[in-house]
């Protein structure tokens, strides 16, 4: 797992490039080398995305319950 404050030379699907502004988000990359087909690797990406959303929802819910903060 790689965590960064910003990305300046990001590469996405089909070789598309992008950058992510400094301190405007959470940027994480996972390096996996499983023996999967492209179709199966897309399932892994989708599962990771759903898991991340659920984890963030729990954090926000905890903050709202404990401190009454709105995010």
N, C-alpha and C. Protein backbone atom coordinates (compact mmCIF):
# COMPACT_ATOMS: atom_id res chain seq x y z
N UNK A 1 0.85 -1.17 0.00
CA UNK A 1 0.00 0.00 0.00
C UNK A 1 0.90 1.23 0.00
N UNK A 2 0.54 2.20 -0.81
CA UNK A 2 1.27 3.46 -0.88
C UNK A 2 0.28 4.59 -0.59
N UNK A 3 0.64 5.45 0.36
CA UNK A 3 -0.20 6.58 0.76
C UNK A 3 0.54 7.86 0.41
N UNK A 4 -0.14 8.83 -0.18
CA UNK A 4 0.52 10.06 -0.60
C UNK A 4 -0.35 11.29 -0.35
N UNK A 5 0.30 12.45 -0.19
CA UNK A 5 -0.42 13.71 -0.06
C UNK A 5 -0.90 14.21 -1.41
N UNK A 6 -0.17 13.86 -2.45
CA UNK A 6 -0.57 14.25 -3.80
C UNK A 6 0.03 13.27 -4.81
N UNK A 7 -0.49 13.31 -6.02
CA UNK A 7 0.03 12.50 -7.12
C UNK A 7 0.26 13.44 -8.29
N UNK A 8 1.46 13.37 -8.87
CA UNK A 8 1.77 14.26 -9.98
C UNK A 8 1.84 13.55 -11.32
N UNK A 9 2.07 12.26 -11.30
CA UNK A 9 2.20 11.51 -12.55
C UNK A 9 1.37 10.23 -12.47
N UNK A 10 0.11 10.38 -12.07
CA UNK A 10 -0.76 9.22 -11.95
C UNK A 10 -1.09 8.63 -13.31
N UNK A 11 -1.26 7.31 -13.32
CA UNK A 11 -1.66 6.63 -14.55
C UNK A 11 -2.88 5.78 -14.24
N UNK A 12 -3.91 5.98 -15.03
CA UNK A 12 -5.15 5.24 -14.84
C UNK A 12 -5.33 4.20 -15.91
N UNK A 13 -6.57 3.77 -16.04
CA UNK A 13 -6.89 2.77 -17.05
C UNK A 13 -6.60 3.28 -18.45
N UNK A 14 -6.25 2.38 -19.30
CA UNK A 14 -5.96 2.70 -20.71
C UNK A 14 -4.86 3.74 -20.87
N UNK A 15 -3.94 3.81 -19.90
CA UNK A 15 -2.81 4.71 -20.00
C UNK A 15 -3.11 6.18 -19.80
N UNK A 16 -4.31 6.50 -19.35
CA UNK A 16 -4.68 7.91 -19.12
C UNK A 16 -3.90 8.46 -17.92
N UNK A 17 -3.42 9.68 -18.04
CA UNK A 17 -2.67 10.29 -16.95
C UNK A 17 -3.56 11.25 -16.16
N UNK A 18 -3.18 11.50 -14.92
CA UNK A 18 -3.92 12.43 -14.07
C UNK A 18 -3.00 12.93 -12.96
N UNK A 19 -3.41 13.99 -12.29
CA UNK A 19 -2.73 14.44 -11.08
C UNK A 19 -3.78 14.68 -10.01
N UNK A 20 -3.36 14.61 -8.78
CA UNK A 20 -4.25 14.82 -7.64
C UNK A 20 -3.65 15.96 -6.81
N UNK A 21 -4.39 17.05 -6.60
CA UNK A 21 -3.85 18.21 -5.89
C UNK A 21 -3.41 17.88 -4.46
N UNK A 22 -2.38 18.58 -4.02
CA UNK A 22 -1.84 18.38 -2.68
C UNK A 22 -2.88 18.73 -1.61
N UNK A 23 -3.00 17.85 -0.63
CA UNK A 23 -3.87 18.02 0.54
C UNK A 23 -5.33 18.28 0.19
N UNK A 24 -5.80 17.69 -0.90
CA UNK A 24 -7.20 17.83 -1.29
C UNK A 24 -7.94 16.49 -1.24
N UNK A 25 -7.27 15.44 -0.79
CA UNK A 25 -7.91 14.13 -0.72
C UNK A 25 -6.97 13.11 -0.11
N UNK A 26 -7.42 11.88 -0.11
CA UNK A 26 -6.62 10.76 0.37
C UNK A 26 -6.30 9.90 -0.85
N UNK A 27 -5.03 9.74 -1.14
CA UNK A 27 -4.62 9.02 -2.33
C UNK A 27 -3.88 7.75 -1.91
N UNK A 28 -4.42 6.62 -2.30
CA UNK A 28 -3.86 5.33 -1.91
C UNK A 28 -3.76 4.44 -3.13
N UNK A 29 -2.65 3.76 -3.25
CA UNK A 29 -2.48 2.75 -4.30
C UNK A 29 -2.12 1.43 -3.64
N UNK A 30 -2.68 0.37 -4.16
CA UNK A 30 -2.37 -0.97 -3.70
C UNK A 30 -1.61 -1.69 -4.79
N UNK A 31 -0.55 -2.36 -4.41
CA UNK A 31 0.22 -3.14 -5.37
C UNK A 31 -0.08 -4.61 -5.09
N UNK A 32 -0.81 -5.22 -6.01
CA UNK A 32 -1.17 -6.62 -5.90
C UNK A 32 -0.63 -7.36 -7.11
N UNK A 33 -0.17 -8.56 -6.90
CA UNK A 33 0.31 -9.36 -8.04
C UNK A 33 -0.36 -10.74 -8.04
N UNK A 34 -1.68 -10.74 -7.99
CA UNK A 34 -2.38 -12.04 -8.02
C UNK A 34 -2.44 -12.59 -9.44
N UNK A 35 -2.68 -13.85 -9.54
CA UNK A 35 -2.85 -14.49 -10.84
C UNK A 35 -4.33 -14.45 -11.19
N UNK A 36 -4.80 -13.28 -11.63
CA UNK A 36 -6.21 -13.09 -11.95
C UNK A 36 -6.37 -12.64 -13.39
N UNK A 37 -7.54 -12.91 -13.91
CA UNK A 37 -7.87 -12.36 -15.22
C UNK A 37 -8.19 -10.88 -15.05
N UNK A 38 -8.23 -10.15 -16.13
CA UNK A 38 -8.58 -8.72 -16.05
C UNK A 38 -9.97 -8.56 -15.47
N UNK A 39 -10.90 -9.42 -15.87
CA UNK A 39 -12.27 -9.36 -15.35
C UNK A 39 -12.28 -9.54 -13.84
N UNK A 40 -11.54 -10.53 -13.34
CA UNK A 40 -11.50 -10.77 -11.89
C UNK A 40 -10.80 -9.63 -11.15
N UNK A 41 -9.79 -9.03 -11.76
CA UNK A 41 -9.11 -7.93 -11.09
C UNK A 41 -10.04 -6.72 -10.95
N UNK A 42 -10.95 -6.53 -11.89
CA UNK A 42 -11.94 -5.46 -11.77
C UNK A 42 -12.88 -5.71 -10.59
N UNK A 43 -13.18 -6.98 -10.32
CA UNK A 43 -14.00 -7.32 -9.15
C UNK A 43 -13.28 -6.93 -7.86
N UNK A 44 -11.97 -7.17 -7.82
CA UNK A 44 -11.19 -6.81 -6.63
C UNK A 44 -11.24 -5.30 -6.43
N UNK A 45 -11.07 -4.53 -7.50
CA UNK A 45 -11.13 -3.07 -7.42
C UNK A 45 -12.49 -2.62 -6.89
N UNK A 46 -13.56 -3.20 -7.39
CA UNK A 46 -14.90 -2.83 -6.95
C UNK A 46 -15.10 -3.17 -5.47
N UNK A 47 -14.64 -4.32 -5.04
CA UNK A 47 -14.77 -4.72 -3.63
C UNK A 47 -14.00 -3.77 -2.72
N UNK A 48 -12.80 -3.39 -3.14
CA UNK A 48 -12.01 -2.44 -2.33
C UNK A 48 -12.72 -1.10 -2.23
N UNK A 49 -13.30 -0.63 -3.32
CA UNK A 49 -14.00 0.65 -3.32
C UNK A 49 -15.20 0.61 -2.37
N UNK A 50 -15.98 -0.45 -2.44
CA UNK A 50 -17.16 -0.58 -1.56
C UNK A 50 -16.72 -0.65 -0.10
N UNK A 51 -15.67 -1.40 0.18
CA UNK A 51 -15.16 -1.52 1.55
C UNK A 51 -14.69 -0.17 2.09
N UNK A 52 -14.03 0.60 1.25
CA UNK A 52 -13.55 1.91 1.66
C UNK A 52 -14.72 2.85 1.98
N UNK A 53 -15.74 2.84 1.14
CA UNK A 53 -16.92 3.68 1.38
C UNK A 53 -17.59 3.30 2.70
N UNK A 54 -17.73 2.00 2.94
CA UNK A 54 -18.36 1.56 4.19
C UNK A 54 -17.54 1.98 5.40
N UNK A 55 -16.21 1.89 5.31
CA UNK A 55 -15.36 2.29 6.42
C UNK A 55 -15.48 3.78 6.69
N UNK A 56 -15.49 4.59 5.63
CA UNK A 56 -15.62 6.04 5.78
C UNK A 56 -16.98 6.40 6.38
N UNK A 57 -18.03 5.71 5.95
CA UNK A 57 -19.36 5.96 6.51
C UNK A 57 -19.37 5.70 8.01
N UNK A 58 -18.69 4.64 8.46
CA UNK A 58 -18.65 4.32 9.89
C UNK A 58 -17.88 5.39 10.65
N UNK A 59 -16.80 5.90 10.08
CA UNK A 59 -16.02 6.94 10.74
C UNK A 59 -16.86 8.20 10.86
N UNK A 60 -17.54 8.59 9.81
CA UNK A 60 -18.38 9.80 9.84
C UNK A 60 -19.51 9.62 10.85
N UNK A 61 -20.13 8.46 10.87
CA UNK A 61 -21.20 8.19 11.82
C UNK A 61 -20.69 8.29 13.25
N UNK A 62 -19.50 7.76 13.51
CA UNK A 62 -18.91 7.83 14.84
C UNK A 62 -18.66 9.28 15.24
N UNK A 63 -18.11 10.08 14.33
CA UNK A 63 -17.85 11.48 14.62
C UNK A 63 -19.15 12.22 14.90
N UNK A 64 -20.17 11.96 14.10
CA UNK A 64 -21.46 12.63 14.32
C UNK A 64 -22.06 12.27 15.66
N UNK A 65 -21.95 11.00 16.05
CA UNK A 65 -22.53 10.57 17.33
C UNK A 65 -21.73 11.10 18.52
N UNK A 66 -20.40 11.11 18.39
CA UNK A 66 -19.59 11.48 19.55
C UNK A 66 -19.39 12.98 19.70
N UNK A 67 -19.29 13.71 18.61
CA UNK A 67 -18.97 15.13 18.72
C UNK A 67 -20.02 16.05 18.10
N UNK A 68 -20.93 15.48 17.36
CA UNK A 68 -21.94 16.31 16.72
C UNK A 68 -21.39 17.13 15.57
N UNK A 69 -20.26 16.72 15.01
CA UNK A 69 -19.67 17.44 13.89
C UNK A 69 -20.34 17.03 12.59
N UNK A 70 -20.44 17.96 11.69
CA UNK A 70 -20.99 17.67 10.39
C UNK A 70 -19.88 17.72 9.36
N UNK A 71 -19.76 16.71 8.56
CA UNK A 71 -18.70 16.65 7.54
C UNK A 71 -19.33 16.72 6.17
